[in-house]
Amino acid sequence: MWIIPSAREQLGAEGLVMAVVVGGAALGWVALAGVLPKSKKPRWTILGVLAITFGIMLIGRRLFRWKHPYYPY
């Protein structure tokens, strides 16, 4: 609750941020489908994108655990 004054507004802001992140990831995968046939090293491109996606998922998980210390995962 650093920027948003009420808890309900903060939940809405968090939902909006997650929607932008998930939508951006989906657009990134669509762009990858367009770039991949032209790539000289398609395996490395796919591995790089998977590594970035996995890293973003780990960051989100760690932030969620920081916000909710009793998060079971």
N, C-alpha and C. Protein backbone atom coordinates (compact mmCIF):
# COMPACT_ATOMS: atom_id res chain seq x y z
N MET A 1 0.83 -1.18 0.00
CA MET A 1 0.00 0.00 0.00
C MET A 1 0.87 1.24 0.00
N TRP A 2 1.87 1.25 -0.86
CA TRP A 2 2.77 2.39 -0.90
C TRP A 2 2.16 3.55 -1.68
N ILE A 3 1.53 3.25 -2.80
CA ILE A 3 1.03 4.31 -3.67
C ILE A 3 -0.49 4.41 -3.59
N ILE A 4 -1.16 3.27 -3.54
CA ILE A 4 -2.62 3.21 -3.57
C ILE A 4 -3.14 3.31 -2.14
N PRO A 5 -4.08 4.23 -1.88
CA PRO A 5 -4.51 4.46 -0.50
C PRO A 5 -5.37 3.35 0.12
N SER A 6 -6.21 2.67 -0.65
CA SER A 6 -7.08 1.66 -0.03
C SER A 6 -6.72 0.26 -0.55
N ALA A 7 -7.09 -0.74 0.25
CA ALA A 7 -6.74 -2.12 -0.09
C ALA A 7 -7.43 -2.58 -1.36
N ARG A 8 -8.68 -2.18 -1.58
CA ARG A 8 -9.40 -2.60 -2.77
C ARG A 8 -8.77 -2.00 -4.04
N GLU A 9 -8.36 -0.77 -3.96
CA GLU A 9 -7.71 -0.14 -5.10
C GLU A 9 -6.35 -0.79 -5.38
N GLN A 10 -5.66 -1.21 -4.31
CA GLN A 10 -4.38 -1.86 -4.51
C GLN A 10 -4.56 -3.20 -5.22
N LEU A 11 -5.58 -3.95 -4.87
CA LEU A 11 -5.85 -5.22 -5.55
C LEU A 11 -6.14 -4.98 -7.04
N GLY A 12 -6.88 -3.93 -7.34
CA GLY A 12 -7.15 -3.59 -8.73
C GLY A 12 -5.88 -3.21 -9.47
N ALA A 13 -5.00 -2.46 -8.81
CA ALA A 13 -3.73 -2.06 -9.43
C ALA A 13 -2.83 -3.27 -9.66
N GLU A 14 -2.79 -4.19 -8.69
CA GLU A 14 -1.99 -5.41 -8.86
C GLU A 14 -2.53 -6.26 -10.00
N GLY A 15 -3.86 -6.35 -10.10
CA GLY A 15 -4.46 -7.08 -11.21
C GLY A 15 -4.12 -6.46 -12.55
N LEU A 16 -4.12 -5.15 -12.61
CA LEU A 16 -3.78 -4.45 -13.84
C LEU A 16 -2.32 -4.70 -14.23
N VAL A 17 -1.42 -4.64 -13.25
CA VAL A 17 -0.01 -4.89 -13.52
C VAL A 17 0.19 -6.32 -14.02
N MET A 18 -0.45 -7.29 -13.39
CA MET A 18 -0.30 -8.68 -13.81
C MET A 18 -0.90 -8.90 -15.19
N ALA A 19 -2.00 -8.23 -15.50
CA ALA A 19 -2.59 -8.34 -16.84
C ALA A 19 -1.64 -7.80 -17.90
N VAL A 20 -0.96 -6.71 -17.60
CA VAL A 20 0.00 -6.14 -18.54
C VAL A 20 1.19 -7.08 -18.72
N VAL A 21 1.66 -7.68 -17.62
CA VAL A 21 2.79 -8.60 -17.71
C VAL A 21 2.42 -9.84 -18.53
N VAL A 22 1.27 -10.43 -18.24
CA VAL A 22 0.84 -11.63 -18.96
C VAL A 22 0.56 -11.30 -20.43
N GLY A 23 -0.09 -10.18 -20.69
CA GLY A 23 -0.34 -9.77 -22.07
C GLY A 23 0.95 -9.48 -22.82
N GLY A 24 1.90 -8.86 -22.16
CA GLY A 24 3.19 -8.60 -22.79
C GLY A 24 3.94 -9.89 -23.09
N ALA A 25 3.85 -10.85 -22.19
CA ALA A 25 4.49 -12.14 -22.44
C ALA A 25 3.84 -12.84 -23.63
N ALA A 26 2.52 -12.78 -23.71
CA ALA A 26 1.83 -13.41 -24.84
C ALA A 26 2.22 -12.74 -26.16
N LEU A 27 2.30 -11.43 -26.17
CA LEU A 27 2.73 -10.73 -27.38
C LEU A 27 4.18 -11.06 -27.72
N GLY A 28 5.00 -11.25 -26.71
CA GLY A 28 6.39 -11.64 -26.95
C GLY A 28 6.49 -13.00 -27.61
N TRP A 29 5.66 -13.93 -27.17
CA TRP A 29 5.66 -15.27 -27.79
C TRP A 29 5.14 -15.22 -29.21
N VAL A 30 4.15 -14.36 -29.48
CA VAL A 30 3.65 -14.20 -30.85
C VAL A 30 4.74 -13.60 -31.73
N ALA A 31 5.46 -12.61 -31.19
CA ALA A 31 6.57 -12.01 -31.95
C ALA A 31 7.66 -13.04 -32.19
N LEU A 32 7.88 -13.91 -31.23
CA LEU A 32 8.88 -14.96 -31.40
C LEU A 32 8.52 -15.87 -32.56
N ALA A 33 7.25 -16.18 -32.71
CA ALA A 33 6.80 -17.02 -33.83
C ALA A 33 7.10 -16.35 -35.16
N GLY A 34 7.07 -15.03 -35.21
CA GLY A 34 7.39 -14.32 -36.44
C GLY A 34 8.88 -14.21 -36.71
N VAL A 35 9.68 -14.14 -35.65
CA VAL A 35 11.12 -13.97 -35.79
C VAL A 35 11.83 -15.32 -35.96
N LEU A 36 11.28 -16.36 -35.38
CA LEU A 36 11.96 -17.65 -35.35
C LEU A 36 12.33 -18.21 -36.72
N PRO A 37 11.45 -18.16 -37.73
CA PRO A 37 11.85 -18.72 -39.02
C PRO A 37 13.03 -17.99 -39.67
N LYS A 38 13.24 -16.73 -39.33
CA LYS A 38 14.34 -15.95 -39.90
C LYS A 38 15.63 -16.06 -39.08
N SER A 39 15.53 -16.67 -37.90
CA SER A 39 16.67 -16.73 -37.00
C SER A 39 17.71 -17.75 -37.49
N LYS A 40 18.98 -17.39 -37.29
CA LYS A 40 20.06 -18.30 -37.68
C LYS A 40 20.30 -19.37 -36.62
N LYS A 41 19.93 -19.08 -35.38
CA LYS A 41 20.09 -20.02 -34.28
C LYS A 41 18.76 -20.16 -33.54
N PRO A 42 17.79 -20.92 -34.08
CA PRO A 42 16.46 -20.98 -33.46
C PRO A 42 16.46 -21.63 -32.08
N ARG A 43 17.32 -22.62 -31.85
CA ARG A 43 17.33 -23.25 -30.52
C ARG A 43 17.74 -22.27 -29.44
N TRP A 44 18.78 -21.47 -29.72
CA TRP A 44 19.23 -20.50 -28.74
C TRP A 44 18.19 -19.40 -28.52
N THR A 45 17.48 -19.06 -29.56
CA THR A 45 16.42 -18.05 -29.43
C THR A 45 15.32 -18.57 -28.51
N ILE A 46 14.89 -19.80 -28.75
CA ILE A 46 13.83 -20.39 -27.91
C ILE A 46 14.31 -20.52 -26.47
N LEU A 47 15.54 -21.01 -26.27
CA LEU A 47 16.06 -21.15 -24.91
C LEU A 47 16.17 -19.80 -24.20
N GLY A 48 16.57 -18.77 -24.93
CA GLY A 48 16.66 -17.45 -24.34
C GLY A 48 15.30 -16.92 -23.91
N VAL A 49 14.31 -17.10 -24.77
CA VAL A 49 12.96 -16.64 -24.42
C VAL A 49 12.40 -17.44 -23.25
N LEU A 50 12.64 -18.74 -23.23
CA LEU A 50 12.19 -19.55 -22.10
C LEU A 50 12.89 -19.13 -20.81
N ALA A 51 14.17 -18.81 -20.88
CA ALA A 51 14.90 -18.37 -19.69
C ALA A 51 14.34 -17.05 -19.16
N ILE A 52 14.04 -16.13 -20.06
CA ILE A 52 13.46 -14.84 -19.64
C ILE A 52 12.09 -15.05 -19.03
N THR A 53 11.27 -15.89 -19.66
CA THR A 53 9.93 -16.17 -19.12
C THR A 53 10.02 -16.81 -17.74
N PHE A 54 10.90 -17.79 -17.59
CA PHE A 54 11.07 -18.46 -16.31
C PHE A 54 11.57 -17.49 -15.25
N GLY A 55 12.48 -16.61 -15.61
CA GLY A 55 12.98 -15.62 -14.67
C GLY A 55 11.89 -14.67 -14.19
N ILE A 56 11.04 -14.23 -15.11
CA ILE A 56 9.93 -13.34 -14.72
C ILE A 56 8.96 -14.07 -13.79
N MET A 57 8.72 -15.36 -14.07
CA MET A 57 7.84 -16.14 -13.19
C MET A 57 8.44 -16.27 -11.80
N LEU A 58 9.75 -16.49 -11.71
CA LEU A 58 10.40 -16.61 -10.40
C LEU A 58 10.36 -15.29 -9.63
N ILE A 59 10.55 -14.19 -10.33
CA ILE A 59 10.47 -12.88 -9.68
C ILE A 59 9.07 -12.64 -9.13
N GLY A 60 8.04 -12.96 -9.94
CA GLY A 60 6.66 -12.80 -9.48
C GLY A 60 6.36 -13.67 -8.27
N ARG A 61 6.86 -14.90 -8.30
CA ARG A 61 6.66 -15.80 -7.16
C ARG A 61 7.32 -15.27 -5.90
N ARG A 62 8.53 -14.77 -6.06
CA ARG A 62 9.26 -14.25 -4.89
C ARG A 62 8.57 -13.00 -4.33
N LEU A 63 8.07 -12.13 -5.22
CA LEU A 63 7.35 -10.94 -4.75
C LEU A 63 6.06 -11.34 -4.04
N PHE A 64 5.37 -12.34 -4.57
CA PHE A 64 4.13 -12.79 -3.93
C PHE A 64 4.43 -13.39 -2.56
N ARG A 65 5.52 -14.13 -2.45
CA ARG A 65 5.90 -14.71 -1.16
C ARG A 65 6.29 -13.61 -0.17
N TRP A 66 6.93 -12.55 -0.68
CA TRP A 66 7.31 -11.44 0.19
C TRP A 66 6.08 -10.73 0.71
N LYS A 67 5.06 -10.59 -0.14
CA LYS A 67 3.84 -9.90 0.28
C LYS A 67 3.00 -10.77 1.21
N HIS A 68 2.97 -12.07 0.93
CA HIS A 68 2.19 -13.02 1.75
C HIS A 68 3.16 -14.04 2.31
N PRO A 69 3.69 -13.84 3.52
CA PRO A 69 4.73 -14.73 4.03
C PRO A 69 4.26 -16.17 4.25
N TYR A 70 2.96 -16.41 4.36
CA TYR A 70 2.47 -17.77 4.58
C TYR A 70 2.06 -18.43 3.28
N TYR A 71 2.49 -17.90 2.15
CA TYR A 71 2.22 -18.48 0.85
C TYR A 71 2.90 -19.85 0.78
N PRO A 72 2.15 -20.93 0.49
CA PRO A 72 2.73 -22.28 0.62
C PRO A 72 3.73 -22.68 -0.45
N TYR A 73 3.85 -21.95 -1.54
CA TYR A 73 4.72 -22.43 -2.61
C TYR A 73 6.04 -21.73 -2.58
